[in-house]
Every structure is written in structure tokens, then in C-alpha cells.
Amino acid sequence: MEVAGLVDCHCHLAAPDFERDIEDVLEEAKKAKVLALVAVAEHSGEFEKIIQLSERYPGFVLPCLGVHPVQGIPPEEQCSVTLKDLDAALPLIELYKDRLLAIGEVGLDFTPRFASTDEQKQEQRQVLTKQIQLAKRLDLPLNVHSRSAGRPTISLLKEQDAERVLLHAFDGRPSVAMEGMKAGYFFSIPPSIIRSEQLRNEPKNIFIAAEYIAKMKGIPVEEVIEVTTQNALKLFPKLQKFLWK
């Protein structure tokens, strides 16, 4: 059966940018024929908001909870994740585990201003490893960040036998991406693939990414929509009950 619309596999609906007009953002996405939004968290402070949105928009906003490798909200306060950040998040993840579509956003970020020492990188690896193990125990996919850490991220995922994996906005080398593809991982392509003068991204813009892929591959955009949505269903099995209701 064909599904006529796109799934946004990675969006930050709990971000402060959306605080004032989240309802408008979600309605615009619906009008644009976005079928479902996979909402990821960066830290435990966002968990309740994501769960509340999923309750207000059941079957449309689908929650992922996880701890991002960079913590701290204002840019000047951002720093590399610690095991304490994960400890604060785990009880809430356990509380909501039956409602989750995936664990995310997790990963590694070796941008020098966040992780300049071996100790920081190692602690990021420990935090990611624990979340991979958690996802395996809960039988949930992983929504993964890998900025400036493409090869280390894929290596760790493979080492830990991670199965259903989405690598978000991957910035590593093509040869490293191929290693991920051979392992069966998926890669998402965000609208930021093209330069835009708009101030922020939002779910309705995933059609920009679909049009760009169609242009690059020389295929109809309808084919991109169909294939990417089928990929989302493979990656996130729980989507089945929402897209074909």
C-alpha cells in the first residue's frame, strides 16, 4: 500500500524557538502533508514537553527520548555530556519507555569546542554505549548525531551491535557512510542540504529535501516520497499503526 506523504524522522519540537507557535508549526506541517513527526530530545529537561506534545497530537507527534552528546541550552553554556547527565535522564526514559518510538537524540560530537580532550570523548562514548544498550533492551531504534565524529560513531554502533539506526545529518566521508550502509543503517537528509535565507527549520520544510534528492537523482519527487516513507516504516516499525489507520 502506498502512503502519500513524508515522515519527518528527526525534529526538535521542544526547542525554545517553537515555544510561542508550536501549534501553528504543527498545523502547517499537517497542511503540507507531513504524515508524522519523530520528535527527539537533547536533554532530560525536554522530556516532559515532548511527551505532552505526543499526548496532544497522538499518532502525529511521536516521541524519542535520549541524551545528546552536547548539553546546555544557551550556546555559551554548551559543553560535552557527562554520565551524570545520563543518570538524570534514565528514570524518565524508563517511565515512558512504552510510549517511545526510538531512543534519541544520542551520539558523539567531537567538535573541538565541546570535546577537546580524550577524557571528554571517552565519556561521550560511555554515554552513547549505555544508550545503545538501553535501546537494545527496549527493542527501540536509535536516532543518532555524529558531528565531527562520523567514523567513531559508526565504529561504536557496529561494536555494540546496534541494529535499527538513523544517522541524522551525517557529515563524515562517503567511505565512512558506506560502512554504515553496509551495516544496515539509514541516513536522513535535512532541508539544510540547500542554503536558505529563512531563520529556522521546521517540519513542513522536509519537502525541500525531497525535491533536492529528486533533482540530484533525476527521479520524480513522488518516488522520493514513497521510498523515504517506506524506509521510515522499516526503521521505525511502530509507525505502521499510525500511517495506515
Protein backbone atom coordinates (compact mmCIF):
# COMPACT_ATOMS: atom_id res chain seq x y z
CA MET A 1 0.00 0.00 0.00
CA GLU A 2 1.30 3.46 -0.90
CA VAL A 3 1.40 6.26 1.65
CA ALA A 4 1.10 9.73 0.11
CA GLY A 5 3.22 11.95 2.31
CA LEU A 6 6.51 12.31 4.13
CA VAL A 7 7.69 11.41 7.62
CA ASP A 8 9.99 13.88 9.40
CA CYS A 9 12.37 11.42 11.06
CA HIS A 10 14.17 13.98 13.23
CA CYS A 11 12.79 17.26 14.59
CA HIS A 12 13.29 19.34 17.73
CA LEU A 13 9.78 20.39 18.69
CA ALA A 14 10.80 21.06 22.30
CA ALA A 15 13.36 23.68 21.20
CA PRO A 16 12.85 27.20 22.64
CA ASP A 17 12.40 28.51 19.05
CA PHE A 18 8.99 26.81 18.88
CA GLU A 19 7.72 27.80 22.31
CA ARG A 20 5.35 30.53 21.15
CA ASP A 21 3.91 29.00 17.99
CA ILE A 22 4.21 25.22 18.21
CA GLU A 23 0.52 24.73 17.30
CA ASP A 24 0.98 26.78 14.10
CA VAL A 25 4.13 24.82 13.22
CA LEU A 26 2.31 21.50 13.62
CA GLU A 27 -0.75 22.67 11.66
CA GLU A 28 1.49 23.91 8.84
CA ALA A 29 3.17 20.51 8.76
CA LYS A 30 -0.21 18.76 8.51
CA LYS A 31 -1.27 21.06 5.66
CA ALA A 32 1.96 20.23 3.85
CA LYS A 33 1.06 16.50 4.04
CA VAL A 34 3.70 15.59 6.58
CA LEU A 35 2.30 12.34 7.98
CA ALA A 36 4.22 12.06 11.24
CA LEU A 37 6.91 13.87 13.21
CA VAL A 38 9.62 11.97 15.05
CA ALA A 39 10.36 14.36 17.91
CA VAL A 40 13.77 13.97 19.54
CA ALA A 41 15.10 15.26 22.87
CA GLU A 42 18.55 16.61 23.67
CA HIS A 43 18.40 16.54 27.47
CA SER A 44 16.11 15.43 30.29
CA GLY A 45 14.65 18.94 30.62
CA GLU A 46 12.85 18.44 27.28
CA PHE A 47 11.34 15.03 28.05
CA GLU A 48 8.06 16.18 29.62
CA LYS A 49 7.39 18.68 26.83
CA ILE A 50 7.87 16.02 24.14
CA ILE A 51 5.62 13.56 25.94
CA GLN A 52 2.96 16.26 26.39
CA LEU A 53 3.08 17.10 22.67
CA SER A 54 2.73 13.42 21.80
CA GLU A 55 -0.38 13.29 24.04
CA ARG A 56 -1.88 16.39 22.43
CA TYR A 57 -1.12 15.15 18.91
CA PRO A 58 -1.42 11.35 19.19
CA GLY A 59 -0.19 9.44 16.16
CA PHE A 60 1.29 12.61 14.68
CA VAL A 61 4.00 13.68 17.17
CA LEU A 62 5.93 10.51 18.02
CA PRO A 63 8.33 10.80 20.97
CA CYS A 64 12.01 9.87 21.22
CA LEU A 65 13.89 10.42 24.46
CA GLY A 66 17.66 10.44 24.79
CA VAL A 67 20.70 12.42 25.88
CA HIS A 68 22.62 14.36 23.23
CA PRO A 69 26.44 14.49 23.31
CA VAL A 70 26.32 18.28 23.79
CA GLN A 71 24.47 19.63 26.82
CA GLY A 72 23.48 23.15 27.89
CA ILE A 73 20.91 25.39 26.22
CA PRO A 74 22.49 28.83 25.60
CA PRO A 75 25.44 28.49 23.19
CA GLU A 76 27.86 29.98 25.69
CA GLU A 77 26.92 27.30 28.25
CA GLN A 78 27.14 24.28 25.96
CA CYS A 79 29.54 21.53 26.98
CA SER A 80 30.29 17.86 26.44
CA VAL A 81 27.86 15.37 28.00
CA THR A 82 28.71 13.58 31.25
CA LEU A 83 27.46 10.35 32.81
CA LYS A 84 25.63 12.48 35.38
CA ASP A 85 23.52 13.97 32.56
CA LEU A 86 22.54 10.44 31.55
CA ASP A 87 21.82 9.38 35.14
CA ALA A 88 19.31 12.23 35.44
CA ALA A 89 17.54 11.10 32.26
CA LEU A 90 17.34 7.32 32.70
CA PRO A 91 14.45 7.20 35.23
CA LEU A 92 12.25 9.27 32.89
CA ILE A 93 13.13 7.13 29.88
CA GLU A 94 12.15 4.06 31.89
CA LEU A 95 8.91 5.76 32.94
CA TYR A 96 7.86 6.50 29.36
CA LYS A 97 9.51 3.53 27.61
CA ASP A 98 6.25 2.03 26.32
CA ARG A 99 5.31 5.27 24.55
CA LEU A 100 8.61 5.79 22.74
CA LEU A 101 9.23 5.42 19.02
CA ALA A 102 13.02 5.48 19.48
CA ILE A 103 15.91 6.48 21.73
CA GLY A 104 17.32 9.81 20.62
CA GLU A 105 18.93 12.12 20.03
CA VAL A 106 22.10 10.31 21.05
CA GLY A 107 25.59 10.14 19.55
CA LEU A 108 29.04 11.67 19.53
CA ASP A 109 30.11 15.26 18.87
CA PHE A 110 33.86 15.80 18.68
CA THR A 111 33.66 19.47 17.68
CA PRO A 112 36.79 20.87 19.42
CA ARG A 113 34.95 23.49 21.48
CA PHE A 114 32.81 20.73 23.04
CA ALA A 115 35.21 17.79 23.21
CA SER A 116 38.85 18.87 23.19
CA THR A 117 40.23 16.17 25.49
CA ASP A 118 40.43 12.38 25.33
CA GLU A 119 38.56 12.23 28.64
CA GLN A 120 35.58 14.15 27.20
CA LYS A 121 35.50 11.95 24.11
CA GLN A 122 35.68 8.81 26.21
CA GLU A 123 32.82 9.97 28.44
CA GLN A 124 30.74 10.68 25.33
CA ARG A 125 31.45 7.13 24.17
CA GLN A 126 30.34 5.77 27.55
CA VAL A 127 27.09 7.75 27.44
CA LEU A 128 26.38 6.56 23.88
CA THR A 129 27.23 2.94 24.72
CA LYS A 130 24.80 2.93 27.64
CA GLN A 131 22.06 4.35 25.40
CA ILE A 132 22.74 1.79 22.66
CA GLN A 133 22.39 -0.94 25.26
CA LEU A 134 19.19 0.68 26.53
CA ALA A 135 17.71 0.79 23.01
CA LYS A 136 18.55 -2.88 22.50
CA ARG A 137 16.94 -3.83 25.82
CA LEU A 138 13.78 -1.87 24.98
CA ASP A 139 13.81 -3.06 21.33
CA LEU A 140 13.81 0.53 20.05
CA PRO A 141 15.67 2.19 17.14
CA LEU A 142 18.33 4.86 17.67
CA ASN A 143 18.25 8.43 16.35
CA VAL A 144 21.95 9.34 16.15
CA HIS A 145 24.02 12.55 15.95
CA SER A 146 27.63 12.30 14.73
CA ARG A 147 29.07 15.77 14.13
CA SER A 148 32.83 15.72 13.51
CA ALA A 149 32.74 12.09 14.64
CA GLY A 150 31.43 10.07 11.71
CA ARG A 151 33.87 7.17 11.85
CA PRO A 152 33.99 6.88 15.69
CA THR A 153 30.18 6.89 15.83
CA ILE A 154 29.70 4.18 13.21
CA SER A 155 32.53 2.13 14.71
CA LEU A 156 30.93 2.25 18.16
CA LEU A 157 27.46 1.43 16.81
CA LYS A 158 28.87 -1.62 14.99
CA GLU A 159 30.95 -2.67 18.01
CA GLN A 160 27.81 -2.60 20.18
CA ASP A 161 25.74 -4.46 17.54
CA ALA A 162 23.25 -1.61 17.18
CA GLU A 163 20.55 -2.66 14.75
CA ARG A 164 17.93 -0.10 13.67
CA VAL A 165 19.88 3.17 13.35
CA LEU A 166 19.19 6.56 11.78
CA LEU A 167 22.26 8.76 11.34
CA HIS A 168 20.99 12.33 11.31
CA ALA A 169 22.68 14.95 9.11
CA PHE A 170 25.80 12.80 8.77
CA ASP A 171 28.88 14.90 7.94
CA GLY A 172 31.51 12.16 7.58
CA ARG A 173 33.31 10.93 4.47
CA PRO A 174 31.40 8.95 1.82
CA SER A 175 33.60 5.91 2.52
CA VAL A 176 32.56 6.02 6.19
CA ALA A 177 28.90 6.43 5.23
CA MET A 178 29.23 3.29 3.10
CA GLU A 179 30.39 1.41 6.22
CA GLY A 180 27.15 2.47 7.88
CA MET A 181 25.08 1.46 4.86
CA LYS A 182 26.73 -1.99 4.83
CA ALA A 183 25.74 -2.33 8.50
CA GLY A 184 22.13 -1.59 7.51
CA TYR A 185 21.94 1.93 8.92
CA PHE A 186 19.78 4.70 7.44
CA PHE A 187 20.83 8.32 6.79
CA SER A 188 18.48 11.31 6.93
CA ILE A 189 18.91 14.30 4.64
CA PRO A 190 17.63 17.54 6.21
CA PRO A 191 16.40 20.65 4.36
CA SER A 192 19.70 22.33 5.29
CA ILE A 193 21.18 20.40 2.34
CA ILE A 194 20.42 23.62 0.47
CA ARG A 195 21.20 27.12 1.66
CA SER A 196 18.21 29.17 2.73
CA GLU A 197 17.66 32.70 3.98
CA GLN A 198 14.97 31.57 6.43
CA LEU A 199 15.83 31.93 10.09
CA ARG A 200 14.86 28.44 11.23
CA ASN A 201 13.90 24.99 10.07
CA GLU A 202 10.56 23.30 10.69
CA PRO A 203 8.86 20.02 9.70
CA LYS A 204 6.98 21.31 6.65
CA ASN A 205 10.38 22.01 5.04
CA ILE A 206 11.24 18.34 4.57
CA PHE A 207 9.68 18.67 1.12
CA ILE A 208 12.67 20.88 0.26
CA ALA A 209 14.94 17.92 0.99
CA ALA A 210 12.71 15.58 -1.05
CA GLU A 211 12.81 17.93 -4.05
CA TYR A 212 16.58 18.24 -3.80
CA ILE A 213 17.04 14.45 -3.71
CA ALA A 214 14.74 14.09 -6.73
CA LYS A 215 16.74 16.67 -8.65
CA MET A 216 20.10 15.10 -7.78
CA LYS A 217 18.92 11.59 -8.70
CA GLY A 218 16.89 12.64 -11.73
CA ILE A 219 13.74 10.91 -10.50
CA PRO A 220 10.19 12.14 -9.74
CA VAL A 221 9.68 13.67 -6.31
CA GLU A 222 6.77 11.25 -5.82
CA GLU A 223 9.26 8.38 -5.95
CA VAL A 224 11.42 10.03 -3.30
CA ILE A 225 8.38 10.50 -1.08
CA GLU A 226 7.32 6.86 -1.47
CA VAL A 227 10.79 5.33 -0.92
CA THR A 228 11.76 7.52 2.03
CA THR A 229 8.44 6.89 3.77
CA GLN A 230 8.84 3.14 3.27
CA ASN A 231 12.36 3.47 4.73
CA ALA A 232 10.88 5.26 7.76
CA LEU A 233 8.46 2.38 8.24
CA LYS A 234 11.32 -0.13 8.14
CA LEU A 235 13.36 1.88 10.61
CA PHE A 236 10.51 2.71 13.00
CA PRO A 237 8.13 -0.30 12.97
CA LYS A 238 5.72 1.38 15.39
CA LEU A 239 4.88 3.88 12.61
CA GLN A 240 2.80 1.21 10.88
CA LYS A 241 -0.18 1.65 13.18
CA PHE A 242 -0.19 5.43 12.75
CA LEU A 243 0.25 5.78 8.99
CA TRP A 244 -2.31 3.17 8.00
CA LYS A 245 -5.10 3.80 10.45
